[in-house]
Amino acid sequence: MPTISGLTLDRRSFLVGSTSLAAALSLPRESAGAIAPPKEFTLSAAPGRVPLVGPPYPETDVWSYDGSVPGPEIRVRQGERLRIAVNNRLSQGTTIHWHGVRVPNAMDGVPHLTQEPIRAGDNFVYEFDVPDAGTYWYHPHHHSAEQVGRGLSGALIVEETEPLQVDRDLVWVLGDWRLARDASIVGDFGNRMEATMAGRIGNTVTINGRVPNTIRVRSGERLRLRLINAAPARIFGLEFAGHRPLIVALDGQPIEPHEPPGGRVVLGPAMRADLVLDMTREPGATTAVIDSFYRDRAYRLVDFAYTDEPRLRDHPLDAPSRMRANTMPEPDLDNAERHIATLEGGMSGRGIMGMGGMMGMGGMGWSINGVSAIGHNMRPMLSLARGRSYILSVRNETAWHHPVHLHGHSFRVIARNGKPTRYREWLDTVLVPPREQADIAFVADNPGDWMFHCHILDHQDGGMMAVIRVA
């Protein structure tokens, strides 16, 4: 996957976005690396053509960053400062949200809430520090179901100061597409019936923008595999036949290394997992990676194809140690204020769909605490005091899964269905199954109005979105 090289912005590109930087530039620069010059990049959002499926199929018309799907991988070190000039060459407005990175509110990329959309033909400059190491990604937050569905997304990797000992660091950006027989994107975005169920799930899955066949590996090597679910709606449940992956980070945040429950790595849209994978099979072997999340619809995603080279080492490396924690403040659970966020609506769900016809409440299909959002700029669902600890119980009263994302913060998942979690994992997007509950805890330390929404993008567009204010 292509990686952006650092670029020096010309005077015009910098001045175009200088007004948008005023709030961010006035913030205190606390990290040790902040005294260094920013790492400067450019991204151009524009129509393009890419070989998603490969011969004999034609290339697919997409929307892309810098002509590639996914967009260029941005890779920096923890504590560095980023300055990214975004050029909009689409026919409609756009923004970029830096998913999982705890940015200043003005840099969060939410249209009409933290910034105005970048109009067609205009530029905008994002600038922020990256306080935490980990696996993150970027995508639009304006008309996001269609813009992400047409290809706009990319990986943002923040390297640790003390990285894991591995032989290769691989990034898999998992994409999901609805393609016609000629490999063109089917343009049925916003289907109302579909949006009230699981969302727009496609018929073609890609790894790093290509329908995969094999991934070449060497016997005895250790991989760090960074998984990013960039699909608008598809949930993945990956099984690695013949291997025992260890999860070492979730949503970019270190966790006690452990095998996934049942051997399956489950990722809702926007979620990430870092795996350590020892390639233990013999030279010449072939093993499959299976996506089995949807019942009776399992398929082979890709094969690991072992080369005929001799084993890299005779004995596996020692088990990985837990990586150094990031910089989130620890919530004070004993003195935390509690709130509830109830997810309602959807086909066969209690709430909107049962209260007044097919779509109910202004034609939208989903709600949080009885309110169905229209647009991003809305009255806050909660107003939180800066620096105070909170516990938010996310109750899913629907018949569908919801990956729920809180902007500007990471949170600990402290309980599920009333039972304490084993790892108390830090996340920024929590997958809540039907009729279940997840309790999340965090310190409201990042001021501003922050989106809180389902990351199945049809659900977000259908009203499952709210604002949480921190002041």
Protein backbone atom coordinates (compact mmCIF):
# COMPACT_ATOMS: atom_id res chain seq x y z
CA MET A 1 0.00 0.00 0.00
CA PRO A 2 1.48 3.38 -0.94
CA THR A 3 2.80 5.60 1.82
CA ILE A 4 2.80 9.38 1.60
CA SER A 5 6.21 10.93 1.73
CA GLY A 6 6.58 14.09 3.76
CA LEU A 7 5.92 17.09 1.53
CA THR A 8 6.64 20.79 1.92
CA LEU A 9 3.48 22.84 1.38
CA ASP A 10 3.72 25.83 -0.89
CA ARG A 11 2.68 29.21 0.45
CA ARG A 12 -0.74 29.15 -1.26
CA SER A 13 -1.68 25.70 0.09
CA PHE A 14 -0.78 26.76 3.61
CA LEU A 15 -2.64 30.05 3.50
CA VAL A 16 -5.85 28.51 2.16
CA GLY A 17 -6.37 26.60 5.39
CA SER A 18 -4.74 29.01 7.83
CA THR A 19 -8.00 30.33 9.24
CA SER A 20 -9.18 26.81 10.07
CA LEU A 21 -5.98 26.27 12.05
CA ALA A 22 -6.42 29.19 14.41
CA ALA A 23 -8.05 27.22 17.21
CA ALA A 24 -5.66 24.30 16.97
CA LEU A 25 -2.54 26.47 16.82
CA SER A 26 -3.58 28.33 19.95
CA LEU A 27 -3.76 25.14 22.02
CA PRO A 28 -0.90 24.35 24.42
CA ARG A 29 1.72 21.98 23.01
CA GLU A 30 2.33 19.58 25.86
CA SER A 31 3.93 16.57 24.20
CA ALA A 32 7.70 16.26 24.14
CA GLY A 33 7.79 15.98 20.36
CA ALA A 34 5.65 19.05 19.80
CA ILE A 35 8.63 21.40 19.61
CA ALA A 36 9.73 19.72 16.38
CA PRO A 37 8.36 20.98 13.03
CA PRO A 38 5.13 19.28 11.95
CA LYS A 39 5.20 16.36 9.55
CA GLU A 40 3.57 17.81 6.43
CA PHE A 41 1.43 15.88 3.95
CA THR A 42 -1.14 16.52 1.25
CA LEU A 43 -4.23 14.50 0.33
CA SER A 44 -6.42 15.05 -2.73
CA ALA A 45 -9.94 13.62 -2.73
CA ALA A 46 -10.98 13.02 -6.33
CA PRO A 47 -12.61 10.55 -8.71
CA GLY A 48 -10.33 7.81 -9.98
CA ARG A 49 -10.13 4.31 -11.41
CA VAL A 50 -8.58 1.30 -9.68
CA PRO A 51 -8.41 -2.46 -10.39
CA LEU A 52 -10.48 -3.60 -7.41
CA VAL A 53 -11.22 -7.04 -8.82
CA GLY A 54 -8.41 -7.44 -11.35
CA PRO A 55 -8.36 -9.04 -14.81
CA PRO A 56 -10.43 -9.92 -16.72
CA TYR A 57 -12.69 -7.32 -15.10
CA PRO A 58 -12.28 -3.65 -15.97
CA GLU A 59 -11.12 -1.05 -13.49
CA THR A 60 -13.71 0.42 -11.14
CA ASP A 61 -14.65 4.10 -10.95
CA VAL A 62 -14.09 5.15 -7.33
CA TRP A 63 -13.56 8.20 -5.17
CA SER A 64 -10.08 8.10 -3.73
CA TYR A 65 -7.31 9.93 -1.95
CA ASP A 66 -4.36 10.55 -4.25
CA GLY A 67 -5.70 8.04 -6.78
CA SER A 68 -5.38 4.98 -4.55
CA VAL A 69 -7.82 2.82 -2.58
CA PRO A 70 -7.29 2.82 0.30
CA GLY A 71 -5.70 6.23 0.46
CA PRO A 72 -1.98 6.60 1.17
CA GLU A 73 -0.85 5.18 4.47
CA ILE A 74 0.26 7.96 6.82
CA ARG A 75 2.87 6.66 9.26
CA VAL A 76 4.38 8.83 12.00
CA ARG A 77 5.89 8.46 15.49
CA GLN A 78 4.07 8.93 18.76
CA GLY A 79 4.18 12.55 19.94
CA GLU A 80 4.78 14.05 16.51
CA ARG A 81 2.63 16.81 15.05
CA LEU A 82 0.82 16.42 11.74
CA ARG A 83 -0.12 19.08 9.21
CA ILE A 84 -2.23 17.68 6.37
CA ALA A 85 -3.49 19.83 3.50
CA VAL A 86 -6.65 18.35 1.96
CA ASN A 87 -7.64 19.29 -1.58
CA ASN A 88 -11.26 18.54 -2.51
CA ARG A 89 -11.55 17.60 -6.20
CA LEU A 90 -14.92 15.91 -5.77
CA SER A 91 -18.20 17.35 -7.07
CA GLN A 92 -19.55 17.68 -3.50
CA GLY A 93 -18.30 18.85 -0.11
CA THR A 94 -16.22 16.60 2.13
CA THR A 95 -14.26 16.49 5.39
CA ILE A 96 -11.73 14.15 6.99
CA HIS A 97 -12.22 12.60 10.43
CA TRP A 98 -9.11 11.13 12.06
CA HIS A 99 -10.79 8.14 13.63
CA GLY A 100 -9.57 7.27 17.11
CA VAL A 101 -7.02 10.08 17.38
CA ARG A 102 -7.76 12.43 20.27
CA VAL A 103 -7.54 15.63 18.26
CA PRO A 104 -8.65 19.16 19.20
CA ASN A 105 -12.34 19.66 18.45
CA ALA A 106 -11.69 22.02 15.53
CA MET A 107 -9.70 19.27 13.77
CA ASP A 108 -12.31 16.49 14.16
CA GLY A 109 -13.78 16.78 10.66
CA VAL A 110 -17.51 16.78 11.50
CA PRO A 111 -19.46 18.97 9.04
CA HIS A 112 -21.37 21.93 10.48
CA LEU A 113 -20.34 20.96 14.01
CA THR A 114 -16.53 21.34 14.10
CA GLN A 115 -16.02 22.81 10.62
CA GLU A 116 -17.88 23.69 7.46
CA PRO A 117 -17.57 21.09 4.69
CA ILE A 118 -14.63 21.59 2.35
CA ARG A 119 -16.42 22.78 -0.76
CA ALA A 120 -15.69 21.34 -4.19
CA GLY A 121 -12.48 22.90 -5.43
CA ASP A 122 -11.41 24.19 -2.01
CA ASN A 123 -8.67 23.20 0.44
CA PHE A 124 -8.45 22.79 4.19
CA VAL A 125 -5.47 22.22 6.50
CA TYR A 126 -5.72 19.91 9.49
CA GLU A 127 -3.04 20.21 12.18
CA PHE A 128 -2.78 18.27 15.43
CA ASP A 129 -0.47 16.28 17.70
CA VAL A 130 -0.70 12.49 17.85
CA PRO A 131 -0.48 11.73 21.59
CA ASP A 132 -1.05 7.98 21.40
CA ALA A 133 0.63 5.20 19.46
CA GLY A 134 -1.56 2.72 17.61
CA THR A 135 -3.56 1.81 14.54
CA TYR A 136 -6.00 4.50 13.40
CA TRP A 137 -7.64 5.51 10.13
CA TYR A 138 -9.11 8.47 8.28
CA HIS A 139 -12.36 8.90 6.34
CA PRO A 140 -14.99 11.52 5.46
CA HIS A 141 -17.76 12.48 7.84
CA HIS A 142 -19.83 14.29 5.20
CA HIS A 143 -22.22 12.09 3.17
CA SER A 144 -20.10 9.38 4.72
CA ALA A 145 -22.14 6.30 3.73
CA GLU A 146 -21.61 7.10 0.07
CA GLN A 147 -18.16 8.68 0.28
CA VAL A 148 -16.70 5.79 2.28
CA GLY A 149 -18.69 3.35 0.15
CA ARG A 150 -17.04 4.76 -2.98
CA GLY A 151 -13.54 4.35 -1.57
CA LEU A 152 -12.54 7.29 0.63
CA SER A 153 -10.54 5.94 3.57
CA GLY A 154 -6.95 5.32 4.58
CA ALA A 155 -4.70 4.09 7.39
CA LEU A 156 -3.00 6.33 9.95
CA ILE A 157 -0.31 4.43 11.85
CA VAL A 158 1.36 5.96 14.91
CA GLU A 159 4.46 3.97 15.79
CA GLU A 160 5.46 3.25 19.38
CA THR A 161 8.72 4.52 20.80
CA GLU A 162 9.37 0.89 21.82
CA PRO A 163 7.87 -1.26 19.04
CA LEU A 164 7.10 -4.94 19.25
CA GLN A 165 9.72 -7.41 18.06
CA VAL A 166 8.34 -8.72 14.76
CA ASP A 167 9.72 -9.56 11.35
CA ARG A 168 7.07 -7.69 9.36
CA ASP A 169 4.44 -5.06 10.13
CA LEU A 170 1.45 -5.53 7.80
CA VAL A 171 -1.65 -3.34 7.50
CA TRP A 172 -4.89 -4.80 6.15
CA VAL A 173 -7.53 -2.19 5.36
CA LEU A 174 -10.66 -4.30 4.95
CA GLY A 175 -13.13 -2.90 2.43
CA ASP A 176 -16.61 -3.96 1.36
CA TRP A 177 -18.15 -3.10 -2.02
CA ARG A 178 -21.39 -3.63 -3.88
CA LEU A 179 -20.33 -4.26 -7.47
CA ALA A 180 -22.22 -4.99 -10.68
CA ARG A 181 -21.09 -7.69 -13.09
CA ASP A 182 -18.81 -5.22 -14.86
CA ALA A 183 -17.07 -4.39 -11.53
CA SER A 184 -18.72 -0.96 -11.35
CA ILE A 185 -20.08 0.30 -8.03
CA VAL A 186 -23.84 -0.10 -7.74
CA GLY A 187 -25.20 3.33 -6.92
CA ASP A 188 -28.09 2.36 -4.66
CA PHE A 189 -26.82 4.27 -1.64
CA GLY A 190 -29.38 5.32 0.95
CA ASN A 191 -31.83 2.45 0.42
CA ARG A 192 -34.37 3.05 3.21
CA MET A 193 -35.39 -0.56 3.76
CA GLU A 194 -31.78 -1.71 3.86
CA ALA A 195 -30.83 1.11 6.22
CA THR A 196 -33.36 -0.11 8.80
CA MET A 197 -31.63 -3.49 8.97
CA ALA A 198 -27.92 -4.35 8.80
CA GLY A 199 -27.00 -1.51 6.43
CA ARG A 200 -25.54 -1.64 2.93
CA ILE A 201 -23.47 -4.83 2.91
CA GLY A 202 -21.67 -5.48 -0.36
CA ASN A 203 -20.85 -8.55 -2.42
CA THR A 204 -17.09 -8.03 -2.75
CA VAL A 205 -14.46 -7.78 -0.01
CA THR A 206 -11.01 -6.32 -0.51
CA ILE A 207 -7.77 -6.14 1.42
CA ASN A 208 -5.93 -2.90 0.73
CA GLY A 209 -8.16 -2.16 -2.24
CA ARG A 210 -7.79 -5.46 -4.09
CA VAL A 211 -9.71 -8.73 -4.10
CA PRO A 212 -7.06 -10.88 -2.42
CA ASN A 213 -5.86 -14.30 -3.41
CA THR A 214 -2.76 -15.12 -1.38
CA ILE A 215 -0.46 -13.45 1.12
CA ARG A 216 3.08 -14.82 0.86
CA VAL A 217 4.70 -15.66 4.20
CA ARG A 218 7.81 -17.47 5.37
CA SER A 219 7.82 -20.33 7.81
CA GLY A 220 9.01 -19.22 11.23
CA GLU A 221 8.46 -15.49 10.80
CA ARG A 222 6.42 -13.35 13.18
CA LEU A 223 3.93 -10.84 11.77
CA ARG A 224 2.30 -7.82 13.32
CA LEU A 225 -1.00 -7.70 11.48
CA ARG A 226 -2.94 -4.45 11.84
CA LEU A 227 -6.60 -4.98 10.90
CA ILE A 228 -8.77 -1.95 10.05
CA ASN A 229 -12.45 -2.41 9.25
CA ALA A 230 -13.11 0.43 6.78
CA ALA A 231 -16.40 -1.06 5.54
CA PRO A 232 -19.54 1.08 5.76
CA ALA A 233 -21.61 -1.73 7.33
CA ARG A 234 -20.00 -5.19 7.16
CA ILE A 235 -18.90 -6.82 10.43
CA PHE A 236 -15.94 -9.19 10.10
CA GLY A 237 -15.27 -12.33 12.14
CA LEU A 238 -11.86 -13.62 11.02
CA GLU A 239 -10.56 -17.12 11.75
CA PHE A 240 -6.93 -17.95 11.01
CA ALA A 241 -6.87 -21.68 10.23
CA GLY A 242 -3.83 -23.47 11.61
CA HIS A 243 -2.62 -20.41 13.54
CA ARG A 244 -3.10 -18.92 16.98
CA PRO A 245 -3.24 -15.13 16.72
CA LEU A 246 -2.64 -13.02 19.80
CA ILE A 247 -4.47 -9.73 20.15
CA VAL A 248 -2.01 -7.11 21.42
CA ALA A 249 -4.02 -3.93 20.80
CA LEU A 250 -7.63 -2.93 20.14
CA ASP A 251 -8.57 0.37 18.51
CA GLY A 252 -4.91 1.30 18.79
CA GLN A 253 -4.73 0.78 22.57
CA PRO A 254 -2.44 -1.87 24.11
CA ILE A 255 -4.08 -4.79 25.87
CA GLU A 256 -2.82 -7.87 27.68
CA PRO A 257 -1.84 -10.25 24.83
CA HIS A 258 -4.49 -12.94 24.51
CA GLU A 259 -6.10 -15.24 22.00
CA PRO A 260 -9.45 -14.01 20.66
CA PRO A 261 -12.54 -15.71 22.11
CA GLY A 262 -13.24 -18.85 20.12
CA GLY A 263 -10.25 -18.07 17.91
CA ARG A 264 -12.23 -15.46 15.94
CA VAL A 265 -11.33 -11.76 15.66
CA VAL A 266 -14.58 -9.77 15.45
CA LEU A 267 -14.46 -6.22 14.11
CA GLY A 268 -17.44 -3.96 13.54
CA PRO A 269 -17.11 -1.04 11.13
CA ALA A 270 -14.35 1.40 12.22
CA MET A 271 -12.85 -1.05 14.75
CA ARG A 272 -9.22 -2.14 14.65
CA ALA A 273 -7.16 -4.98 16.08
CA ASP A 274 -3.40 -5.52 16.16
CA LEU A 275 -2.42 -9.19 16.07
CA VAL A 276 0.85 -11.00 16.60
CA LEU A 277 0.86 -14.00 14.29
CA ASP A 278 3.60 -16.64 14.30
CA MET A 279 3.78 -18.47 10.97
CA THR A 280 4.21 -21.97 12.34
CA ARG A 281 3.39 -24.13 9.32
CA GLU A 282 5.97 -25.87 7.13
CA PRO A 283 7.44 -24.36 3.94
CA GLY A 284 5.04 -24.78 1.01
CA ALA A 285 1.92 -24.96 3.16
CA THR A 286 -1.30 -23.04 2.41
CA THR A 287 -3.80 -22.00 5.07
CA ALA A 288 -7.01 -19.98 4.83
CA VAL A 289 -8.33 -16.90 6.58
CA ILE A 290 -12.12 -17.31 6.85
CA ASP A 291 -14.71 -14.61 7.54
CA SER A 292 -17.49 -16.39 9.41
CA PHE A 293 -19.33 -13.57 11.17
CA TYR A 294 -22.66 -13.90 9.33
CA ARG A 295 -24.36 -17.21 9.96
CA ASP A 296 -24.41 -19.51 6.90
CA ARG A 297 -22.48 -16.94 4.84
CA ALA A 298 -18.85 -17.81 5.65
CA TYR A 299 -16.31 -17.37 2.86
CA ARG A 300 -12.55 -17.60 2.32
CA LEU A 301 -11.09 -14.12 2.54
CA VAL A 302 -7.50 -14.98 1.61
CA ASP A 303 -4.85 -17.70 1.87
CA PHE A 304 -1.49 -17.54 3.57
CA ALA A 305 0.88 -19.15 1.05
CA TYR A 306 4.13 -20.30 2.64
CA THR A 307 7.20 -19.96 0.43
CA ASP A 308 9.62 -22.83 -0.07
CA GLU A 309 12.35 -20.97 1.79
CA PRO A 310 13.85 -22.68 4.86
CA ARG A 311 12.34 -21.77 8.21
CA LEU A 312 13.42 -18.33 9.40
CA ARG A 313 14.02 -19.67 12.91
CA ASP A 314 13.84 -23.09 14.54
CA HIS A 315 12.01 -21.94 17.65
CA PRO A 316 9.32 -19.26 17.95
CA LEU A 317 10.12 -15.94 19.59
CA ASP A 318 9.07 -15.48 23.19
CA ALA A 319 5.47 -14.48 23.77
CA PRO A 320 5.05 -10.72 23.31
CA SER A 321 4.88 -8.53 26.39
CA ARG A 322 2.14 -6.00 26.86
CA MET A 323 3.03 -2.77 25.11
CA ARG A 324 3.41 0.48 27.03
CA ALA A 325 0.09 2.14 27.81
CA ASN A 326 -0.96 5.30 26.03
CA THR A 327 -1.78 8.62 27.66
CA MET A 328 -5.51 8.45 28.50
CA PRO A 329 -6.38 9.54 32.04
CA GLU A 330 -7.79 6.74 34.19
CA PRO A 331 -11.48 7.23 35.06
CA ASP A 332 -12.38 7.39 38.74
CA LEU A 333 -15.07 4.71 38.85
CA ASP A 334 -15.99 5.27 42.47
CA ASN A 335 -16.93 8.89 41.84
CA ALA A 336 -18.04 8.68 38.22
CA GLU A 337 -21.36 10.17 37.15
CA ARG A 338 -23.61 7.67 35.36
CA HIS A 339 -25.73 8.14 32.24
CA ILE A 340 -27.64 5.90 29.84
CA ALA A 341 -27.68 5.92 26.03
CA THR A 342 -30.48 3.74 24.65
CA LEU A 343 -30.26 2.67 21.00
CA GLU A 344 -33.67 2.16 19.39
CA GLY A 345 -35.36 1.63 16.03
CA GLY A 346 -34.73 -0.40 12.94
CA MET A 347 -36.67 -3.22 11.36
CA SER A 348 -38.07 -5.51 14.07
CA GLY A 349 -36.65 -3.23 16.72
CA ARG A 350 -38.45 -1.69 19.64
CA GLY A 351 -38.75 2.08 19.51
CA ILE A 352 -39.16 4.04 16.31
CA MET A 353 -40.19 1.20 14.06
CA GLY A 354 -42.88 0.13 16.47
CA MET A 355 -44.25 3.59 17.23
CA GLY A 356 -45.69 4.99 14.07
CA GLY A 357 -45.11 3.19 10.86
CA MET A 358 -42.15 2.11 8.79
CA MET A 359 -39.79 4.97 9.41
CA GLY A 360 -41.52 6.99 12.15
CA MET A 361 -40.16 10.20 13.64
CA GLY A 362 -39.61 12.44 10.64
CA GLY A 363 -38.79 9.65 8.23
CA MET A 364 -35.71 8.42 10.06
CA GLY A 365 -35.17 4.85 11.23
CA TRP A 366 -32.97 5.01 14.33
CA SER A 367 -32.62 7.01 17.55
CA ILE A 368 -30.56 7.49 20.71
CA ASN A 369 -32.56 8.23 23.84
CA GLY A 370 -35.65 8.75 21.71
CA VAL A 371 -34.11 11.40 19.45
CA SER A 372 -33.49 10.70 15.78
CA ALA A 373 -30.72 12.97 14.49
CA ILE A 374 -31.04 14.96 11.30
CA GLY A 375 -27.61 16.29 10.35
CA HIS A 376 -24.60 16.66 12.61
CA ASN A 377 -25.32 19.97 14.34
CA MET A 378 -27.83 19.27 17.09
CA ARG A 379 -28.57 20.01 20.73
CA PRO A 380 -26.26 17.98 23.01
CA MET A 381 -27.62 14.76 24.42
CA LEU A 382 -25.29 15.20 27.41
CA SER A 383 -23.30 18.12 28.78
CA LEU A 384 -20.26 16.88 30.73
CA ALA A 385 -17.91 18.76 33.02
CA ARG A 386 -14.35 18.83 31.76
CA GLY A 387 -12.04 16.67 33.85
CA ARG A 388 -14.79 14.62 35.48
CA SER A 389 -15.21 10.83 35.15
CA TYR A 390 -18.32 9.32 33.58
CA ILE A 391 -19.85 5.89 33.06
CA LEU A 392 -22.18 5.59 30.07
CA SER A 393 -24.39 2.52 29.76
CA VAL A 394 -25.01 1.86 26.06
CA ARG A 395 -28.20 -0.21 25.79
CA ASN A 396 -29.04 -1.79 22.46
CA GLU A 397 -32.81 -2.23 22.31
CA THR A 398 -32.75 -3.21 18.62
CA ALA A 399 -32.46 -6.43 16.66
CA TRP A 400 -29.14 -5.43 15.05
CA HIS A 401 -25.50 -4.98 16.02
CA HIS A 402 -24.22 -1.43 16.51
CA PRO A 403 -20.54 -0.37 16.64
CA VAL A 404 -20.83 2.82 18.70
CA HIS A 405 -18.09 5.44 18.35
CA LEU A 406 -17.32 8.39 20.64
CA HIS A 407 -15.25 11.15 19.04
CA GLY A 408 -12.41 12.90 20.85
CA HIS A 409 -11.97 10.27 23.58
CA SER A 410 -11.06 6.68 24.28
CA PHE A 411 -12.98 4.76 26.93
CA ARG A 412 -12.65 1.64 29.00
CA VAL A 413 -15.26 -1.08 28.50
CA ILE A 414 -15.82 -1.99 32.15
CA ALA A 415 -18.87 -4.26 31.91
CA ARG A 416 -21.09 -6.13 29.47
CA ASN A 417 -24.60 -7.08 30.46
CA GLY A 418 -23.81 -6.24 34.06
CA LYS A 419 -20.69 -8.44 34.30
CA PRO A 420 -17.20 -6.92 34.59
CA THR A 421 -15.03 -7.37 31.53
CA ARG A 422 -11.86 -9.42 31.84
CA TYR A 423 -9.48 -6.97 30.16
CA ARG A 424 -11.21 -3.61 30.76
CA GLU A 425 -10.06 -2.76 27.24
CA TRP A 426 -9.61 0.78 25.98
CA LEU A 427 -11.65 1.37 22.80
CA ASP A 428 -13.08 4.23 20.79
CA THR A 429 -15.72 2.06 19.06
CA VAL A 430 -17.62 -0.62 20.97
CA LEU A 431 -19.69 -3.32 19.25
CA VAL A 432 -22.97 -3.83 21.11
CA PRO A 433 -24.94 -6.94 20.04
CA PRO A 434 -28.76 -6.96 19.89
CA ARG A 435 -30.56 -6.65 23.25
CA GLU A 436 -27.24 -6.28 25.09
CA GLN A 437 -25.52 -3.53 27.06
CA ALA A 438 -21.95 -2.23 27.31
CA ASP A 439 -20.81 0.08 30.12
CA ILE A 440 -18.01 2.43 29.12
CA ALA A 441 -15.98 4.72 31.40
CA PHE A 442 -13.87 7.74 30.50
CA VAL A 443 -12.60 11.10 31.67
CA ALA A 444 -14.21 13.97 29.75
CA ASP A 445 -10.90 15.75 29.25
CA ASN A 446 -11.21 16.99 25.65
CA PRO A 447 -13.41 20.12 25.37
CA GLY A 448 -15.90 20.60 22.58
CA ASP A 449 -19.03 19.15 20.98
CA TRP A 450 -18.32 15.52 20.06
CA MET A 451 -20.24 13.07 17.89
CA PHE A 452 -21.52 9.84 19.46
CA HIS A 453 -22.95 7.51 16.83
CA CYS A 454 -23.30 4.08 15.29
CA HIS A 455 -20.55 3.48 12.73
CA ILE A 456 -22.76 1.42 10.47
CA LEU A 457 -23.01 4.49 8.30
CA ASP A 458 -26.58 3.88 7.13
CA HIS A 459 -27.61 3.76 10.80
CA GLN A 460 -25.78 7.03 11.45
CA ASP A 461 -27.46 8.69 8.48
CA GLY A 462 -30.77 7.21 9.64
CA GLY A 463 -30.64 9.01 12.97
CA MET A 464 -28.47 6.95 15.36
CA MET A 465 -26.27 9.89 16.23
CA ALA A 466 -26.00 12.35 19.10
CA VAL A 467 -23.73 15.10 20.44
CA ILE A 468 -21.90 14.97 23.76
CA ARG A 469 -20.63 18.34 24.98
CA VAL A 470 -17.55 18.65 27.18
CA ALA A 471 -17.03 22.08 28.76
